[in-house]
Amino acid sequence: MAYQVARYHHEKWNGKGYPEGLNAREIPLCARIMAVADVFDAVSEKRCYRDAIPVEQCFAIIREGSGRDFDPVIAEVFLDSREKVERIHNEINTKQ
């Protein structure tokens, strides 16, 4: 499973990702889940080359990518869990 996550989490639901251009359910489920989590983490956290994006925009990125970049069911579950995601995100950021 770790191999599938690492190898395929940059595949896109519409087939325009990499490394193999897999689409929809060809992408392993674990990688489809990680794709959403990875993008949210990448944009919501400060990086050495840019500031964190406001959380509202981070959720908008997931919403806008649903059915294109992300499995729409997984994106919907993530978006429906917004309150819990924000709470965890805030807890992690206050500990740093």
N, C-alpha and C. Protein backbone atom coordinates (compact mmCIF):
# COMPACT_ATOMS: atom_id res chain seq x y z
N MET A 1 0.82 -1.19 0.00
CA MET A 1 0.00 0.00 0.00
C MET A 1 0.87 1.26 0.00
N ALA A 2 1.94 1.24 0.78
CA ALA A 2 2.82 2.42 0.81
C ALA A 2 3.40 2.70 -0.57
N TYR A 3 3.75 1.65 -1.29
CA TYR A 3 4.26 1.81 -2.65
C TYR A 3 3.20 2.46 -3.53
N GLN A 4 1.96 1.99 -3.45
CA GLN A 4 0.88 2.55 -4.28
C GLN A 4 0.64 4.02 -3.94
N VAL A 5 0.65 4.36 -2.68
CA VAL A 5 0.46 5.76 -2.28
C VAL A 5 1.57 6.62 -2.85
N ALA A 6 2.81 6.18 -2.65
CA ALA A 6 3.95 6.96 -3.12
C ALA A 6 3.97 7.08 -4.64
N ARG A 7 3.66 6.01 -5.33
CA ARG A 7 3.76 6.01 -6.79
C ARG A 7 2.61 6.73 -7.47
N TYR A 8 1.40 6.61 -6.95
CA TYR A 8 0.23 7.04 -7.71
C TYR A 8 -0.53 8.25 -7.16
N HIS A 9 -0.07 8.86 -6.08
CA HIS A 9 -0.86 9.96 -5.51
C HIS A 9 -0.86 11.22 -6.36
N HIS A 10 -0.06 11.26 -7.42
CA HIS A 10 -0.11 12.40 -8.35
C HIS A 10 -0.91 12.09 -9.62
N GLU A 11 -1.54 10.93 -9.66
CA GLU A 11 -2.46 10.63 -10.75
C GLU A 11 -3.71 11.48 -10.55
N LYS A 12 -4.38 11.84 -11.63
CA LYS A 12 -5.59 12.67 -11.56
C LYS A 12 -6.80 11.86 -11.98
N TRP A 13 -7.93 12.15 -11.39
CA TRP A 13 -9.18 11.45 -11.70
C TRP A 13 -9.46 11.48 -13.21
N ASN A 14 -9.10 12.58 -13.87
CA ASN A 14 -9.37 12.72 -15.31
C ASN A 14 -8.29 12.11 -16.20
N GLY A 15 -7.29 11.48 -15.61
CA GLY A 15 -6.25 10.81 -16.38
C GLY A 15 -5.07 11.69 -16.78
N LYS A 16 -5.04 12.94 -16.32
CA LYS A 16 -3.98 13.86 -16.74
C LYS A 16 -2.85 13.98 -15.72
N GLY A 17 -2.77 13.04 -14.81
CA GLY A 17 -1.70 13.07 -13.82
C GLY A 17 -0.50 12.25 -14.26
N TYR A 18 0.34 11.93 -13.31
CA TYR A 18 1.54 11.15 -13.60
C TYR A 18 1.81 10.20 -12.45
N PRO A 19 2.55 9.14 -12.62
CA PRO A 19 3.49 8.86 -13.71
C PRO A 19 2.89 8.08 -14.88
N GLU A 20 1.71 7.49 -14.71
CA GLU A 20 1.20 6.61 -15.76
C GLU A 20 -0.04 7.12 -16.47
N GLY A 21 -0.59 8.24 -16.06
CA GLY A 21 -1.81 8.75 -16.68
C GLY A 21 -3.02 7.89 -16.39
N LEU A 22 -3.04 7.25 -15.23
CA LEU A 22 -4.21 6.45 -14.83
C LEU A 22 -5.39 7.38 -14.61
N ASN A 23 -6.59 6.86 -14.76
CA ASN A 23 -7.76 7.69 -14.46
C ASN A 23 -8.77 6.92 -13.63
N ALA A 24 -9.59 7.68 -12.97
CA ALA A 24 -10.71 7.18 -12.17
C ALA A 24 -10.30 6.00 -11.30
N ARG A 25 -11.03 4.92 -11.41
CA ARG A 25 -10.81 3.78 -10.52
C ARG A 25 -9.59 2.93 -10.88
N GLU A 26 -8.89 3.29 -11.95
CA GLU A 26 -7.60 2.64 -12.22
C GLU A 26 -6.58 3.04 -11.15
N ILE A 27 -6.78 4.21 -10.55
CA ILE A 27 -5.88 4.70 -9.50
C ILE A 27 -6.23 3.95 -8.22
N PRO A 28 -5.25 3.37 -7.54
CA PRO A 28 -5.56 2.66 -6.30
C PRO A 28 -6.26 3.59 -5.30
N LEU A 29 -7.21 3.04 -4.57
CA LEU A 29 -7.99 3.81 -3.61
C LEU A 29 -7.10 4.57 -2.63
N CYS A 30 -6.08 3.91 -2.10
CA CYS A 30 -5.21 4.57 -1.13
C CYS A 30 -4.54 5.81 -1.73
N ALA A 31 -4.19 5.76 -3.00
CA ALA A 31 -3.56 6.91 -3.66
C ALA A 31 -4.58 8.01 -3.92
N ARG A 32 -5.83 7.64 -4.20
CA ARG A 32 -6.88 8.65 -4.41
C ARG A 32 -7.15 9.40 -3.11
N ILE A 33 -7.12 8.70 -2.00
CA ILE A 33 -7.30 9.34 -0.69
C ILE A 33 -6.11 10.26 -0.40
N MET A 34 -4.91 9.75 -0.62
CA MET A 34 -3.71 10.54 -0.35
C MET A 34 -3.63 11.78 -1.24
N ALA A 35 -4.13 11.70 -2.46
CA ALA A 35 -4.09 12.85 -3.36
C ALA A 35 -4.79 14.05 -2.73
N VAL A 36 -5.95 13.82 -2.13
CA VAL A 36 -6.70 14.90 -1.49
C VAL A 36 -5.93 15.42 -0.28
N ALA A 37 -5.49 14.49 0.57
CA ALA A 37 -4.76 14.90 1.78
C ALA A 37 -3.47 15.63 1.44
N ASP A 38 -2.76 15.15 0.43
CA ASP A 38 -1.48 15.74 0.04
C ASP A 38 -1.66 17.17 -0.47
N VAL A 39 -2.66 17.39 -1.31
CA VAL A 39 -2.88 18.74 -1.83
C VAL A 39 -3.30 19.68 -0.70
N PHE A 40 -4.20 19.23 0.16
CA PHE A 40 -4.61 20.08 1.27
C PHE A 40 -3.40 20.45 2.13
N ASP A 41 -2.58 19.47 2.46
CA ASP A 41 -1.39 19.74 3.27
C ASP A 41 -0.43 20.68 2.55
N ALA A 42 -0.22 20.43 1.27
CA ALA A 42 0.74 21.23 0.50
C ALA A 42 0.35 22.70 0.44
N VAL A 43 -0.93 22.98 0.33
CA VAL A 43 -1.35 24.38 0.18
C VAL A 43 -1.67 25.06 1.51
N SER A 44 -2.00 24.27 2.53
CA SER A 44 -2.40 24.88 3.81
C SER A 44 -1.24 25.15 4.75
N GLU A 45 -0.08 24.63 4.43
CA GLU A 45 1.09 24.81 5.29
C GLU A 45 2.10 25.76 4.66
N LYS A 46 2.76 26.51 5.49
CA LYS A 46 3.83 27.42 5.04
C LYS A 46 4.99 26.60 4.49
N ARG A 47 5.53 27.05 3.41
CA ARG A 47 6.71 26.43 2.80
C ARG A 47 7.83 27.46 2.78
N CYS A 48 9.04 27.03 2.59
CA CYS A 48 10.16 27.97 2.58
C CYS A 48 10.05 28.96 1.42
N TYR A 49 9.28 28.64 0.40
CA TYR A 49 9.16 29.50 -0.78
C TYR A 49 7.82 30.24 -0.87
N ARG A 50 6.90 30.02 0.10
CA ARG A 50 5.63 30.76 0.09
C ARG A 50 4.91 30.58 1.42
N ASP A 51 3.99 31.49 1.70
CA ASP A 51 3.17 31.40 2.90
C ASP A 51 2.04 30.39 2.70
N ALA A 52 1.45 29.97 3.79
CA ALA A 52 0.29 29.08 3.72
C ALA A 52 -0.88 29.84 3.07
N ILE A 53 -1.68 29.11 2.36
CA ILE A 53 -2.89 29.67 1.75
C ILE A 53 -4.00 29.61 2.80
N PRO A 54 -4.87 30.61 2.88
CA PRO A 54 -5.98 30.57 3.84
C PRO A 54 -6.82 29.29 3.69
N VAL A 55 -7.27 28.77 4.81
CA VAL A 55 -7.97 27.49 4.83
C VAL A 55 -9.19 27.49 3.90
N GLU A 56 -9.92 28.59 3.83
CA GLU A 56 -11.08 28.66 2.93
C GLU A 56 -10.66 28.37 1.49
N GLN A 57 -9.55 28.92 1.05
CA GLN A 57 -9.05 28.68 -0.30
C GLN A 57 -8.60 27.23 -0.47
N CYS A 58 -8.05 26.65 0.57
CA CYS A 58 -7.61 25.25 0.50
C CYS A 58 -8.79 24.33 0.24
N PHE A 59 -9.88 24.57 0.94
CA PHE A 59 -11.09 23.76 0.71
C PHE A 59 -11.66 24.04 -0.68
N ALA A 60 -11.56 25.27 -1.15
CA ALA A 60 -12.04 25.60 -2.50
C ALA A 60 -11.23 24.85 -3.56
N ILE A 61 -9.94 24.68 -3.35
CA ILE A 61 -9.10 23.93 -4.29
C ILE A 61 -9.59 22.49 -4.39
N ILE A 62 -9.91 21.89 -3.27
CA ILE A 62 -10.42 20.51 -3.28
C ILE A 62 -11.78 20.47 -3.96
N ARG A 63 -12.65 21.41 -3.63
CA ARG A 63 -14.00 21.47 -4.23
C ARG A 63 -13.91 21.62 -5.74
N GLU A 64 -13.07 22.53 -6.20
CA GLU A 64 -12.94 22.79 -7.64
C GLU A 64 -12.28 21.63 -8.39
N GLY A 65 -11.45 20.86 -7.68
CA GLY A 65 -10.78 19.73 -8.32
C GLY A 65 -11.58 18.44 -8.30
N SER A 66 -12.71 18.45 -7.60
CA SER A 66 -13.54 17.25 -7.51
C SER A 66 -14.03 16.84 -8.89
N GLY A 67 -13.81 15.57 -9.25
CA GLY A 67 -14.23 15.06 -10.54
C GLY A 67 -13.26 15.35 -11.66
N ARG A 68 -12.27 16.17 -11.39
CA ARG A 68 -11.22 16.47 -12.37
C ARG A 68 -9.89 15.95 -11.85
N ASP A 69 -9.45 16.50 -10.74
CA ASP A 69 -8.18 16.07 -10.13
C ASP A 69 -8.40 14.95 -9.12
N PHE A 70 -9.53 14.98 -8.44
CA PHE A 70 -9.79 14.08 -7.32
C PHE A 70 -11.03 13.23 -7.56
N ASP A 71 -11.01 12.06 -6.96
CA ASP A 71 -12.20 11.20 -6.92
C ASP A 71 -13.32 12.02 -6.29
N PRO A 72 -14.45 12.19 -6.95
CA PRO A 72 -15.50 13.05 -6.41
C PRO A 72 -16.09 12.56 -5.10
N VAL A 73 -16.13 11.26 -4.89
CA VAL A 73 -16.65 10.74 -3.63
C VAL A 73 -15.70 11.05 -2.48
N ILE A 74 -14.41 10.86 -2.72
CA ILE A 74 -13.42 11.15 -1.68
C ILE A 74 -13.38 12.65 -1.39
N ALA A 75 -13.43 13.46 -2.42
CA ALA A 75 -13.46 14.91 -2.21
C ALA A 75 -14.68 15.32 -1.40
N GLU A 76 -15.82 14.73 -1.69
CA GLU A 76 -17.05 15.05 -0.96
C GLU A 76 -16.93 14.66 0.51
N VAL A 77 -16.39 13.48 0.78
CA VAL A 77 -16.20 13.04 2.18
C VAL A 77 -15.26 14.01 2.90
N PHE A 78 -14.18 14.39 2.24
CA PHE A 78 -13.24 15.34 2.83
C PHE A 78 -13.93 16.68 3.13
N LEU A 79 -14.66 17.19 2.16
CA LEU A 79 -15.34 18.48 2.34
C LEU A 79 -16.42 18.39 3.42
N ASP A 80 -17.10 17.26 3.50
CA ASP A 80 -18.11 17.07 4.55
C ASP A 80 -17.49 16.97 5.93
N SER A 81 -16.19 16.68 5.98
CA SER A 81 -15.47 16.56 7.25
C SER A 81 -14.73 17.84 7.61
N ARG A 82 -15.12 18.92 6.98
CA ARG A 82 -14.39 20.18 7.12
C ARG A 82 -14.17 20.59 8.58
N GLU A 83 -15.20 20.51 9.38
CA GLU A 83 -15.08 20.95 10.78
C GLU A 83 -13.98 20.16 11.50
N LYS A 84 -13.97 18.85 11.31
CA LYS A 84 -12.95 18.01 11.94
C LYS A 84 -11.57 18.28 11.35
N VAL A 85 -11.48 18.44 10.05
CA VAL A 85 -10.20 18.73 9.39
C VAL A 85 -9.64 20.04 9.93
N GLU A 86 -10.47 21.07 10.02
CA GLU A 86 -10.00 22.37 10.52
C GLU A 86 -9.53 22.26 11.97
N ARG A 87 -10.27 21.52 12.78
CA ARG A 87 -9.88 21.37 14.19
C ARG A 87 -8.50 20.71 14.29
N ILE A 88 -8.29 19.64 13.54
CA ILE A 88 -7.00 18.95 13.58
C ILE A 88 -5.90 19.85 13.02
N HIS A 89 -6.19 20.52 11.92
CA HIS A 89 -5.22 21.44 11.32
C HIS A 89 -4.80 22.52 12.31
N ASN A 90 -5.76 23.09 13.02
CA ASN A 90 -5.47 24.12 14.02
C ASN A 90 -4.67 23.57 15.19
N GLU A 91 -5.00 22.35 15.63
CA GLU A 91 -4.26 21.73 16.74
C GLU A 91 -2.80 21.52 16.35
N ILE A 92 -2.57 21.05 15.15
CA ILE A 92 -1.20 20.80 14.71
C ILE A 92 -0.43 22.12 14.61
N ASN A 93 -1.06 23.14 14.09
CA ASN A 93 -0.37 24.42 13.91
C ASN A 93 -0.12 25.16 15.20
N THR A 94 -0.91 24.93 16.23
CA THR A 94 -0.66 25.58 17.52
C THR A 94 0.46 24.89 18.29
N LYS A 95 0.77 23.64 17.94
CA LYS A 95 1.85 22.91 18.60
C LYS A 95 3.22 23.20 17.98
N GLN A 96 3.24 23.82 16.82
CA GLN A 96 4.51 24.06 16.14
C GLN A 96 5.18 25.33 16.61
